[in-house]
PDB file of N, CA and C in Angstrom:
ATOM      1  N   MET A   1       0.862  -1.061   0.105  1.00  0.00           N
ATOM      2  CA  MET A   1      -0.176   0.029   0.216  1.00  0.00           C
ATOM      3  C   MET A   1       1.241   1.258  -0.289  1.00  0.00           C
ATOM      4  N   PRO A   2       0.755   1.812  -1.068  1.00  0.00           N
ATOM      5  CA  PRO A   2       2.583   3.200  -0.829  1.00  0.00           C
ATOM      6  C   PRO A   2       0.933   4.187  -0.761  1.00  0.00           C
ATOM      7  N   ARG A   3       2.118   5.127   0.332  1.00  0.00           N
ATOM      8  CA  ARG A   3       1.725   6.314   0.416  1.00  0.00           C
ATOM      9  C   ARG A   3       2.574   7.414  -0.095  1.00  0.00           C
ATOM     10  N   VAL A   4       1.558   8.574  -0.566  1.00  0.00           N
ATOM     11  CA  VAL A   4       1.708   9.372  -1.792  1.00  0.00           C
ATOM     12  C   VAL A   4       1.646  10.791  -0.813  1.00  0.00           C
ATOM     13  N   LEU A   5       2.050  11.797  -1.383  1.00  0.00           N
ATOM     14  CA  LEU A   5       1.564  13.112  -1.399  1.00  0.00           C
ATOM     15  C   LEU A   5       1.318  13.913  -2.385  1.00  0.00           C
ATOM     16  N   VAL A   6       0.113  14.195  -2.658  1.00  0.00           N
ATOM     17  CA  VAL A   6      -0.342  15.073  -3.571  1.00  0.00           C
ATOM     18  C   VAL A   6      -0.477  16.545  -3.117  1.00  0.00           C
ATOM     19  N   CYS A   7       0.522  17.341  -4.186  1.00  0.00           N
ATOM     20  CA  CYS A   7       0.821  19.040  -3.922  1.00  0.00           C
ATOM     21  C   CYS A   7      -0.035  19.708  -5.180  1.00  0.00           C
ATOM     22  N   TRP A   8      -0.360  21.016  -4.828  1.00  0.00           N
ATOM     23  CA  TRP A   8      -1.170  21.815  -5.810  1.00  0.00           C
ATOM     24  C   TRP A   8      -1.046  23.374  -5.173  1.00  0.00           C
ATOM     25  N   SER A   9      -0.711  23.880  -6.103  1.00  0.00           N
ATOM     26  CA  SER A   9      -0.441  25.263  -5.260  1.00  0.00           C
ATOM     27  C   SER A   9      -1.250  26.272  -6.198  1.00  0.00           C
ATOM     28  N   PRO A  10      -2.740  26.453  -5.386  1.00  0.00           N
ATOM     29  CA  PRO A  10      -3.474  27.222  -6.320  1.00  0.00           C
ATOM     30  C   PRO A  10      -3.376  28.568  -6.418  1.00  0.00           C
ATOM     31  N   ALA A  11      -1.926  29.488  -5.749  1.00  0.00           N
ATOM     32  CA  ALA A  11      -1.361  30.866  -5.906  1.00  0.00           C
ATOM     33  C   ALA A  11      -0.124  30.605  -5.175  1.00  0.00           C
ATOM     34  N   PRO A  12       0.512  31.920  -5.725  1.00  0.00           N
ATOM     35  CA  PRO A  12       2.065  31.877  -4.915  1.00  0.00           C
ATOM     36  C   PRO A  12       2.094  32.032  -3.721  1.00  0.00           C
ATOM     37  N   ARG A  13       2.651  31.029  -3.090  1.00  0.00           N
ATOM     38  CA  ARG A  13       3.340  31.099  -1.685  1.00  0.00           C
ATOM     39  C   ARG A  13       2.075  30.386  -0.876  1.00  0.00           C
ATOM     40  N   GLU A  14       1.307  29.877  -1.547  1.00  0.00           N
ATOM     41  CA  GLU A  14       0.395  28.781  -1.129  1.00  0.00           C
ATOM     42  C   GLU A  14       0.397  27.538  -1.593  1.00  0.00           C
ATOM     43  N   VAL A  15       0.369  26.220  -1.154  1.00  0.00           N
ATOM     44  CA  VAL A  15       0.812  24.949  -1.630  1.00  0.00           C
ATOM     45  C   VAL A  15      -0.414  24.392  -0.221  1.00  0.00           C
ATOM     46  N   LEU A  16      -1.391  23.322  -1.072  1.00  0.00           N
ATOM     47  CA  LEU A  16      -2.535  22.464  -0.636  1.00  0.00           C
ATOM     48  C   LEU A  16      -1.440  21.000  -0.663  1.00  0.00           C
ATOM     49  N   GLU A  17      -1.484  20.050   0.419  1.00  0.00           N
ATOM     50  CA  GLU A  17      -1.023  18.973   0.038  1.00  0.00           C
ATOM     51  C   GLU A  17      -2.188  17.633   1.090  1.00  0.00           C
ATOM     52  N   TRP A  18      -2.398  16.710   0.285  1.00  0.00           N
ATOM     53  CA  TRP A  18      -2.955  15.657   0.733  1.00  0.00           C
ATOM     54  C   TRP A  18      -1.951  14.256   0.537  1.00  0.00           C
ATOM     55  N   PRO A  19      -1.883  14.368   1.793  1.00  0.00           N
ATOM     56  CA  PRO A  19      -1.279  12.744   2.088  1.00  0.00           C
ATOM     57  C   PRO A  19      -2.206  11.657   1.868  1.00  0.00           C
ATOM     58  N   LEU A  20      -1.974  10.364   1.121  1.00  0.00           N
ATOM     59  CA  LEU A  20      -2.949   9.412   0.724  1.00  0.00           C
ATOM     60  C   LEU A  20      -2.413   8.226   1.106  1.00  0.00           C
ATOM     61  N   ASP A  21      -3.158   7.004   1.239  1.00  0.00           N
ATOM     62  CA  ASP A  21      -2.145   5.880   1.210  1.00  0.00           C
ATOM     63  C   ASP A  21      -3.363   4.574  -0.368  1.00  0.00           C
ATOM     64  N   LEU A  22      -2.977   4.312  -0.906  1.00  0.00           N
ATOM     65  CA  LEU A  22      -3.661   4.112  -2.049  1.00  0.00           C
ATOM     66  C   LEU A  22      -3.053   2.609  -2.181  1.00  0.00           C
ATOM     67  N   PRO A  23      -3.901   2.023  -2.436  1.00  0.00           N
ATOM     68  CA  PRO A  23      -3.693   0.643  -3.029  1.00  0.00           C
ATOM     69  C   PRO A  23      -2.842   0.301  -3.779  1.00  0.00           C
ATOM     70  N   GLU A  24      -2.208  -0.852  -4.094  1.00  0.00           N
ATOM     71  CA  GLU A  24      -1.179  -1.505  -4.816  1.00  0.00           C
ATOM     72  C   GLU A  24      -1.934  -1.130  -6.598  1.00  0.00           C
ATOM     73  N   GLY A  25      -0.892  -0.877  -7.376  1.00  0.00           N
ATOM     74  CA  GLY A  25      -1.305  -0.876  -8.812  1.00  0.00           C
ATOM     75  C   GLY A  25      -1.783   0.481  -9.452  1.00  0.00           C
ATOM     76  N   SER A  26      -1.646   1.279  -8.250  1.00  0.00           N
ATOM     77  CA  SER A  26      -2.736   2.833  -8.562  1.00  0.00           C
ATOM     78  C   SER A  26      -2.041   3.522  -9.250  1.00  0.00           C
ATOM     79  N   THR A  27      -2.601   4.504  -9.866  1.00  0.00           N
ATOM     80  CA  THR A  27      -1.640   5.243 -10.497  1.00  0.00           C
ATOM     81  C   THR A  27      -2.181   6.572 -10.531  1.00  0.00           C
ATOM     82  N   VAL A  28      -1.171   7.585 -10.940  1.00  0.00           N
ATOM     83  CA  VAL A  28      -1.230   9.496 -10.839  1.00  0.00           C
ATOM     84  C   VAL A  28      -3.127   9.598 -10.593  1.00  0.00           C
ATOM     85  N   ALA A  29      -3.658   9.010 -11.990  1.00  0.00           N
ATOM     86  CA  ALA A  29      -4.811   9.878 -11.437  1.00  0.00           C
ATOM     87  C   ALA A  29      -5.875   9.022 -10.803  1.00  0.00           C
ATOM     88  N   ASP A  30      -4.953   7.548 -10.156  1.00  0.00           N
ATOM     89  CA  ASP A  30      -6.429   7.401  -8.963  1.00  0.00           C
ATOM     90  C   ASP A  30      -5.986   8.378  -8.042  1.00  0.00           C
ATOM     91  N   ALA A  31      -4.328   8.698  -7.575  1.00  0.00           N
ATOM     92  CA  ALA A  31      -3.999   9.580  -6.612  1.00  0.00           C
ATOM     93  C   ALA A  31      -4.766  11.079  -6.706  1.00  0.00           C
ATOM     94  N   VAL A  32      -4.893  11.720  -7.812  1.00  0.00           N
ATOM     95  CA  VAL A  32      -5.605  13.199  -8.166  1.00  0.00           C
ATOM     96  C   VAL A  32      -7.401  12.547  -7.599  1.00  0.00           C
ATOM     97  N   ARG A  33      -7.450  11.783  -8.009  1.00  0.00           N
ATOM     98  CA  ARG A  33      -8.997  11.608  -7.801  1.00  0.00           C
ATOM     99  C   ARG A  33      -8.925  11.175  -6.352  1.00  0.00           C
ATOM    100  N   ALA A  34      -8.481  10.374  -5.511  1.00  0.00           N
ATOM    101  CA  ALA A  34      -8.578  10.542  -4.193  1.00  0.00           C
ATOM    102  C   ALA A  34      -8.176  11.587  -3.393  1.00  0.00           C
ATOM    103  N   SER A  35      -7.313  12.264  -3.689  1.00  0.00           N
ATOM    104  CA  SER A  35      -6.786  13.625  -3.276  1.00  0.00           C
ATOM    105  C   SER A  35      -8.166  14.561  -2.747  1.00  0.00           C
ATOM    106  N   GLY A  36      -9.293  14.444  -3.352  1.00  0.00           N
ATOM    107  CA  GLY A  36      -9.987  15.654  -3.158  1.00  0.00           C
ATOM    108  C   GLY A  36      -9.883  17.007  -3.621  1.00  0.00           C
ATOM    109  N   PHE A  37      -8.374  16.790  -5.064  1.00  0.00           N
ATOM    110  CA  PHE A  37      -8.621  18.236  -5.818  1.00  0.00           C
ATOM    111  C   PHE A  37      -9.290  18.958  -6.190  1.00  0.00           C
ATOM    112  N   ALA A  38     -10.267  17.461  -7.021  1.00  0.00           N
ATOM    113  CA  ALA A  38     -11.665  18.828  -8.054  1.00  0.00           C
ATOM    114  C   ALA A  38     -12.541  19.453  -7.047  1.00  0.00           C
ATOM    115  N   ALA A  39     -12.513  19.233  -6.033  1.00  0.00           N
ATOM    116  CA  ALA A  39     -13.273  20.002  -5.189  1.00  0.00           C
ATOM    117  C   ALA A  39     -13.058  21.211  -4.445  1.00  0.00           C
ATOM    118  N   ALA A  40     -11.247  21.342  -4.170  1.00  0.00           N
ATOM    119  CA  ALA A  40     -10.761  22.260  -3.863  1.00  0.00           C
ATOM    120  C   ALA A  40     -10.456  23.295  -4.942  1.00  0.00           C
ATOM    121  N   ALA A  41     -10.251  22.825  -6.398  1.00  0.00           N
ATOM    122  CA  ALA A  41      -9.972  23.726  -7.760  1.00  0.00           C
ATOM    123  C   ALA A  41     -11.437  24.208  -8.326  1.00  0.00           C
ATOM    124  N   GLY A  42     -13.102  23.344  -7.647  1.00  0.00           N
ATOM    125  CA  GLY A  42     -13.938  24.109  -8.130  1.00  0.00           C
ATOM    126  C   GLY A  42     -14.443  23.110  -9.016  1.00  0.00           C
ATOM    127  N   GLY A  43     -14.458  22.143  -8.972  1.00  0.00           N
ATOM    128  CA  GLY A  43     -14.634  20.773  -9.834  1.00  0.00           C
ATOM    129  C   GLY A  43     -13.675  20.761 -10.812  1.00  0.00           C
ATOM    130  N   ALA A  44     -12.185  21.590 -11.514  1.00  0.00           N
ATOM    131  CA  ALA A  44     -11.448  21.794 -12.312  1.00  0.00           C
ATOM    132  C   ALA A  44     -10.641  20.623 -12.219  1.00  0.00           C
ATOM    133  N   GLN A  45     -10.497  19.397 -13.434  1.00  0.00           N
ATOM    134  CA  GLN A  45      -9.578  18.243 -13.510  1.00  0.00           C
ATOM    135  C   GLN A  45      -8.213  19.145 -14.327  1.00  0.00           C
ATOM    136  N   PRO A  46      -6.980  18.479 -13.472  1.00  0.00           N
ATOM    137  CA  PRO A  46      -5.534  18.793 -14.465  1.00  0.00           C
ATOM    138  C   PRO A  46      -5.572  17.811 -15.620  1.00  0.00           C
ATOM    139  N   GLY A  47      -5.165  18.796 -17.062  1.00  0.00           N
ATOM    140  CA  GLY A  47      -4.908  18.172 -17.961  1.00  0.00           C
ATOM    141  C   GLY A  47      -4.098  17.188 -18.409  1.00  0.00           C
ATOM    142  N   GLU A  48      -2.985  16.933 -19.388  1.00  0.00           N
ATOM    143  CA  GLU A  48      -2.619  15.738 -19.342  1.00  0.00           C
ATOM    144  C   GLU A  48      -1.243  16.214 -19.218  1.00  0.00           C
ATOM    145  N   GLY A  49      -0.646  17.437 -19.735  1.00  0.00           N
ATOM    146  CA  GLY A  49       0.283  18.060 -18.939  1.00  0.00           C
ATOM    147  C   GLY A  49       0.444  18.776 -18.108  1.00  0.00           C
ATOM    148  N   ASP A  50      -0.239  18.599 -16.977  1.00  0.00           N
ATOM    149  CA  ASP A  50      -0.582  19.379 -15.975  1.00  0.00           C
ATOM    150  C   ASP A  50       0.406  18.352 -14.360  1.00  0.00           C
ATOM    151  N   LEU A  51       0.900  17.724 -14.815  1.00  0.00           N
ATOM    152  CA  LEU A  51       1.100  16.629 -13.823  1.00  0.00           C
ATOM    153  C   LEU A  51       2.168  16.358 -13.693  1.00  0.00           C
ATOM    154  N   GLY A  52       3.130  16.182 -12.656  1.00  0.00           N
ATOM    155  CA  GLY A  52       4.651  15.502 -12.576  1.00  0.00           C
ATOM    156  C   GLY A  52       4.630  14.986 -10.926  1.00  0.00           C
ATOM    157  N   LEU A  53       6.020  13.792 -11.188  1.00  0.00           N
ATOM    158  CA  LEU A  53       6.430  13.660  -9.898  1.00  0.00           C
ATOM    159  C   LEU A  53       7.144  13.642  -9.832  1.00  0.00           C
ATOM    160  N   TRP A  54       7.635  14.406  -8.711  1.00  0.00           N
ATOM    161  CA  TRP A  54       9.065  14.767  -8.037  1.00  0.00           C
ATOM    162  C   TRP A  54       9.503  16.302  -8.732  1.00  0.00           C
ATOM    163  N   GLY A  55       8.321  16.658  -9.489  1.00  0.00           N
ATOM    164  CA  GLY A  55       9.015  17.850 -10.765  1.00  0.00           C
ATOM    165  C   GLY A  55       9.678  17.489 -12.001  1.00  0.00           C
ATOM    166  N   ARG A  56       9.086  16.406 -12.446  1.00  0.00           N
ATOM    167  CA  ARG A  56       9.177  16.591 -13.736  1.00  0.00           C
ATOM    168  C   ARG A  56       8.319  15.424 -14.198  1.00  0.00           C
ATOM    169  N   HIS A  57       7.440  15.779 -15.327  1.00  0.00           N
ATOM    170  CA  HIS A  57       6.284  15.586 -16.202  1.00  0.00           C
ATOM    171  C   HIS A  57       5.756  14.084 -16.049  1.00  0.00           C
ATOM    172  N   CYS A  58       4.440  13.985 -16.144  1.00  0.00           N
ATOM    173  CA  CYS A  58       4.244  12.650 -16.168  1.00  0.00           C
ATOM    174  C   CYS A  58       3.013  12.618 -16.946  1.00  0.00           C
ATOM    175  N   THR A  59       2.533  11.395 -16.788  1.00  0.00           N
ATOM    176  CA  THR A  59       0.863  11.025 -17.269  1.00  0.00           C
ATOM    177  C   THR A  59       0.670  10.616 -16.651  1.00  0.00           C
ATOM    178  N   ALA A  60      -0.827  10.593 -16.707  1.00  0.00           N
ATOM    179  CA  ALA A  60      -2.144  10.299 -15.711  1.00  0.00           C
ATOM    180  C   ALA A  60      -1.921   8.792 -15.561  1.00  0.00           C
ATOM    181  N   GLN A  61      -1.554   8.152 -16.272  1.00  0.00           N
ATOM    182  CA  GLN A  61      -0.892   6.860 -15.993  1.00  0.00           C
ATOM    183  C   GLN A  61       0.024   5.932 -15.960  1.00  0.00           C
ATOM    184  N   GLN A  62       0.614   7.236 -15.532  1.00  0.00           N
ATOM    185  CA  GLN A  62       2.048   6.355 -14.565  1.00  0.00           C
ATOM    186  C   GLN A  62       1.704   5.635 -13.186  1.00  0.00           C
ATOM    187  N   PRO A  63       2.508   4.459 -12.890  1.00  0.00           N
ATOM    188  CA  PRO A  63       1.773   3.796 -11.764  1.00  0.00           C
ATOM    189  C   PRO A  63       3.012   4.425 -10.602  1.00  0.00           C
ATOM    190  N   VAL A  64       2.231   5.083  -9.187  1.00  0.00           N
ATOM    191  CA  VAL A  64       2.717   5.400  -8.031  1.00  0.00           C
ATOM    192  C   VAL A  64       3.380   4.586  -7.512  1.00  0.00           C
ATOM    193  N   ARG A  65       4.489   5.034  -6.529  1.00  0.00           N
ATOM    194  CA  ARG A  65       5.021   4.271  -5.788  1.00  0.00           C
ATOM    195  C   ARG A  65       5.498   4.478  -4.217  1.00  0.00           C
ATOM    196  N   GLU A  66       5.796   4.002  -3.426  1.00  0.00           N
ATOM    197  CA  GLU A  66       5.714   4.764  -1.891  1.00  0.00           C
ATOM    198  C   GLU A  66       6.723   6.072  -2.131  1.00  0.00           C
ATOM    199  N   GLY A  67       6.132   7.002  -1.104  1.00  0.00           N
ATOM    200  CA  GLY A  67       7.002   8.022  -0.795  1.00  0.00           C
ATOM    201  C   GLY A  67       6.731   8.989  -2.261  1.00  0.00           C
ATOM    202  N   ASP A  68       6.478   8.382  -3.503  1.00  0.00           N
ATOM    203  CA  ASP A  68       6.246   9.604  -4.728  1.00  0.00           C
ATOM    204  C   ASP A  68       5.489  10.907  -3.677  1.00  0.00           C
ATOM    205  N   ARG A  69       5.699  11.858  -4.702  1.00  0.00           N
ATOM    206  CA  ARG A  69       5.296  13.548  -4.437  1.00  0.00           C
ATOM    207  C   ARG A  69       4.700  13.658  -5.870  1.00  0.00           C
ATOM    208  N   ILE A  70       3.056  13.392  -5.825  1.00  0.00           N
ATOM    209  CA  ILE A  70       2.065  14.182  -7.001  1.00  0.00           C
ATOM    210  C   ILE A  70       2.185  15.632  -7.297  1.00  0.00           C
ATOM    211  N   GLU A  71       2.918  16.405  -8.145  1.00  0.00           N
ATOM    212  CA  GLU A  71       2.602  17.864  -8.386  1.00  0.00           C
ATOM    213  C   GLU A  71       1.497  17.512  -9.011  1.00  0.00           C
ATOM    214  N   ILE A  72       0.467  19.091  -9.095  1.00  0.00           N
ATOM    215  CA  ILE A  72      -0.189  19.571  -9.920  1.00  0.00           C
ATOM    216  C   ILE A  72      -0.138  20.702 -10.744  1.00  0.00           C
ATOM    217  N   TYR A  73       0.125  20.974 -11.515  1.00  0.00           N
ATOM    218  CA  TYR A  73       0.300  22.293 -11.934  1.00  0.00           C
ATOM    219  C   TYR A  73      -0.456  23.127 -12.327  1.00  0.00           C
ATOM    220  N   ARG A  74      -0.356  24.504 -11.928  1.00  0.00           N
ATOM    221  CA  ARG A  74      -0.794  25.108 -12.674  1.00  0.00           C
ATOM    222  C   ARG A  74      -0.745  25.795 -14.039  1.00  0.00           C
ATOM    223  N   ALA A  75      -1.405  26.889 -14.619  1.00  0.00           N
ATOM    224  CA  ALA A  75      -1.381  27.111 -16.134  1.00  0.00           C
ATOM    225  C   ALA A  75      -0.484  28.785 -16.078  1.00  0.00           C
ATOM    226  N   LEU A  76       0.465  28.738 -16.388  1.00  0.00           N
ATOM    227  CA  LEU A  76       1.749  29.605 -16.204  1.00  0.00           C
ATOM    228  C   LEU A  76       0.288  31.418 -17.169  1.00  0.00           C
ATOM    229  N   ARG A  77       0.993  32.584 -16.310  1.00  0.00           N
ATOM    230  CA  ARG A  77      -0.459  33.643 -16.628  1.00  0.00           C
ATOM    231  C   ARG A  77       0.521  34.291 -18.072  1.00  0.00           C
ATOM    232  N   VAL A  78       1.978  34.228 -17.511  1.00  0.00           N
ATOM    233  CA  VAL A  78       2.325  35.308 -18.559  1.00  0.00           C
ATOM    234  C   VAL A  78       3.937  34.447 -18.336  1.00  0.00           C
ATOM    235  N   ASP A  79       3.912  34.590 -20.330  1.00  0.00           N
ATOM    236  CA  ASP A  79       5.082  33.702 -20.992  1.00  0.00           C
ATOM    237  C   ASP A  79       6.821  34.153 -20.661  1.00  0.00           C
ATOM    238  N   PRO A  80       7.299  33.373 -19.973  1.00  0.00           N
ATOM    239  CA  PRO A  80       8.706  33.974 -19.452  1.00  0.00           C
ATOM    240  C   PRO A  80       9.568  34.695 -20.214  1.00  0.00           C
ATOM    241  N   LYS A  81       9.238  34.507 -21.606  1.00  0.00           N
ATOM    242  CA  LYS A  81      10.458  34.990 -22.632  1.00  0.00           C
ATOM    243  C   LYS A  81       9.947  36.475 -22.580  1.00  0.00           C
ATOM    244  N   VAL A  82       8.384  36.568 -22.683  1.00  0.00           N
ATOM    245  CA  VAL A  82       7.528  37.713 -22.867  1.00  0.00           C
ATOM    246  C   VAL A  82       8.468  38.766 -21.712  1.00  0.00           C
ATOM    247  N   ALA A  83       7.891  38.160 -20.751  1.00  0.00           N
ATOM    248  CA  ALA A  83       8.320  38.994 -19.357  1.00  0.00           C
ATOM    249  C   ALA A  83       9.568  39.722 -18.984  1.00  0.00           C
ATOM    250  N   ARG A  84      10.783  38.354 -20.016  1.00  0.00           N
ATOM    251  CA  ARG A  84      11.842  38.993 -19.229  1.00  0.00           C
ATOM    252  C   ARG A  84      12.564  40.231 -21.002  1.00  0.00           C
ATOM    253  N   ARG A  85      11.260  40.027 -22.039  1.00  0.00           N
ATOM    254  CA  ARG A  85      11.377  40.854 -23.237  1.00  0.00           C
ATOM    255  C   ARG A  85      11.106  42.092 -22.558  1.00  0.00           C
ATOM    256  N   GLU A  86       9.856  42.472 -21.334  1.00  0.00           N
ATOM    257  CA  GLU A  86       9.446  43.322 -20.909  1.00  0.00           C
ATOM    258  C   GLU A  86      10.429  44.164 -20.307  1.00  0.00           C
ATOM    259  N   ARG A  87      10.568  43.572 -19.402  1.00  0.00           N
ATOM    260  CA  ARG A  87      11.671  43.271 -18.426  1.00  0.00           C
ATOM    261  C   ARG A  87      12.713  44.781 -18.813  1.00  0.00           C
ATOM    262  N   PHE A  88      13.710  44.008 -19.770  1.00  0.00           N
ATOM    263  CA  PHE A  88      14.550  44.553 -20.362  1.00  0.00           C
ATOM    264  C   PHE A  88      14.355  45.556 -21.139  1.00  0.00           C
ATOM    265  N   ARG A  89      13.162  45.900 -21.597  1.00  0.00           N
ATOM    266  CA  ARG A  89      12.152  47.163 -22.598  1.00  0.00           C
ATOM    267  C   ARG A  89      12.785  48.433 -21.460  1.00  0.00           C
ATOM    268  N   LYS A  90      11.625  48.287 -20.319  1.00  0.00           N
ATOM    269  CA  LYS A  90      11.316  49.213 -19.500  1.00  0.00           C
ATOM    270  C   LYS A  90      13.083  49.260 -18.086  1.00  0.00           C
ATOM    271  N   GLN A  91      14.087  48.673 -18.412  1.00  0.00           N
ATOM    272  CA  GLN A  91      15.237  49.445 -18.026  1.00  0.00           C
ATOM    273  C   GLN A  91      16.241  49.891 -19.070  1.00  0.00           C
ATOM    274  N   GLY A  92      15.747  49.638 -20.246  1.00  0.00           N
ATOM    275  CA  GLY A  92      16.667  50.116 -21.296  1.00  0.00           C
ATOM    276  C   GLY A  92      18.433  49.247 -21.339  1.00  0.00           C
ATOM    277  N   ALA A  93      18.894  49.320 -22.462  1.00  0.00           N
ATOM    278  CA  ALA A  93      19.856  48.336 -22.940  1.00  0.00           C
ATOM    279  C   ALA A  93      21.247  48.516 -21.896  1.00  0.00           C
ATOM    280  N   ARG A  94      21.518  49.939 -21.491  1.00  0.00           N
ATOM    281  CA  ARG A  94      22.490  50.735 -20.743  1.00  0.00           C
ATOM    282  C   ARG A  94      22.487  50.129 -19.362  1.00  0.00           C
ATOM    283  N   ALA A  95      21.060  49.220 -18.954  1.00  0.00           N
ATOM    284  CA  ALA A  95      21.048  49.401 -17.621  1.00  0.00           C
ATOM    285  C   ALA A  95      21.126  48.003 -17.387  1.00  0.00           C
ATOM    286  N   ALA A  96      20.853  47.071 -18.522  1.00  0.00           N
ATOM    287  CA  ALA A  96      20.745  45.509 -18.346  1.00  0.00           C
ATOM    288  C   ALA A  96      21.796  44.941 -19.217  1.00  0.00           C
ATOM    289  N   GLY A  97      22.311  43.904 -18.203  1.00  0.00           N
ATOM    290  CA  GLY A  97      23.482  43.134 -19.183  1.00  0.00           C
ATOM    291  C   GLY A  97      24.316  42.156 -18.323  1.00  0.00           C
ATOM    292  N   LEU A  98      25.073  41.956 -18.875  1.00  0.00           N
ATOM    293  CA  LEU A  98      26.342  41.193 -17.426  1.00  0.00           C
ATOM    294  C   LEU A  98      27.168  42.356 -17.052  1.00  0.00           C
ATOM    295  N   PHE A  99      27.615  43.446 -17.869  1.00  0.00           N
ATOM    296  CA  PHE A  99      27.959  44.225 -17.507  1.00  0.00           C
ATOM    297  C   PHE A  99      27.718  45.371 -16.969  1.00  0.00           C
ATOM    298  N   ALA A 100      26.709  45.521 -16.815  1.00  0.00           N
ATOM    299  CA  ALA A 100      26.093  47.104 -16.250  1.00  0.00           C
ATOM    300  C   ALA A 100      26.177  47.789 -15.218  1.00  0.00           C
ATOM    301  N   GLN A 101      26.670  46.925 -14.488  1.00  0.00           N
ATOM    302  CA  GLN A 101      27.273  47.358 -13.089  1.00  0.00           C
ATOM    303  C   GLN A 101      29.279  47.819 -12.962  1.00  0.00           C
ATOM    304  N   ARG A 102      29.551  48.640 -13.536  1.00  0.00           N
ATOM    305  CA  ARG A 102      30.557  48.882 -14.012  1.00  0.00           C
ATOM    306  C   ARG A 102      31.261  49.622 -12.157  1.00  0.00           C
ATOM    307  N   ARG A 103      32.648  48.927 -12.011  1.00  0.00           N
ATOM    308  CA  ARG A 103      32.921  50.221 -10.898  1.00  0.00           C
ATOM    309  C   ARG A 103      33.614  51.615 -12.275  1.00  0.00           C
ATOM    310  N   PRO A 104      33.755  52.652 -11.173  1.00  0.00           N
ATOM    311  CA  PRO A 104      34.188  54.094 -12.128  1.00  0.00           C
ATOM    312  C   PRO A 104      35.488  53.801 -12.057  1.00  0.00           C
ATOM    313  N   GLY A 105      35.734  54.226 -13.414  1.00  0.00           N
ATOM    314  CA  GLY A 105      37.089  53.939 -14.223  1.00  0.00           C
ATOM    315  C   GLY A 105      37.052  52.884 -14.460  1.00  0.00           C
ATOM    316  N   ALA A 106      36.518  51.933 -14.772  1.00  0.00           N
ATOM    317  CA  ALA A 106      36.981  50.602 -15.323  1.00  0.00           C
ATOM    318  C   ALA A 106      37.256  50.215 -16.330  1.00  0.00           C
ATOM    319  N   LYS A 107      37.605  49.353 -17.442  1.00  0.00           N
ATOM    320  CA  LYS A 107      38.017  49.389 -18.273  1.00  0.00           C
ATOM    321  C   LYS A 107      36.697  49.004 -19.127  1.00  0.00           C
ATOM    322  N   PRO A 108      36.540  49.115 -20.620  1.00  0.00           N
ATOM    323  CA  PRO A 108      35.431  48.708 -21.008  1.00  0.00           C
ATOM    324  C   PRO A 108      35.127  46.969 -20.881  1.00  0.00           C
ATOM    325  N   GLY A 109      33.998  46.465 -20.421  1.00  0.00           N
ATOM    326  CA  GLY A 109      34.014  44.818 -20.576  1.00  0.00           C
ATOM    327  C   GLY A 109      34.000  44.356 -19.291  1.00  0.00           C
ATOM    328  N   TYR A 110      35.066  45.351 -17.958  1.00  0.00           N
ATOM    329  CA  TYR A 110      34.516  44.926 -16.814  1.00  0.00           C
ATOM    330  C   TYR A 110      34.634  45.150 -15.466  1.00  0.00           C
TER     331      TYR A 110
END
């Protein structure tokens, strides 16, 4: 009887955890169903790419083992590449980058 932990973060700095004892041969989908995630998420069900075991994506049909941490991921609100471009645009080309913080009188590039 494997003991697993199902985790979900509905918002930043907020984590809900459900420790479960499951019968042998259970899958990730069985664990999510048994956790009560649907009630906590207002009836939502995770999609195929929204599940992971210890930080690595997995399928809902993956069998669980003793001590597994099943994670339910939420969708990103902003594409990280777009967010980086916006930050760069705000601070300007001279204030960003590897050599932006130079010592006074230092050679270029140091």
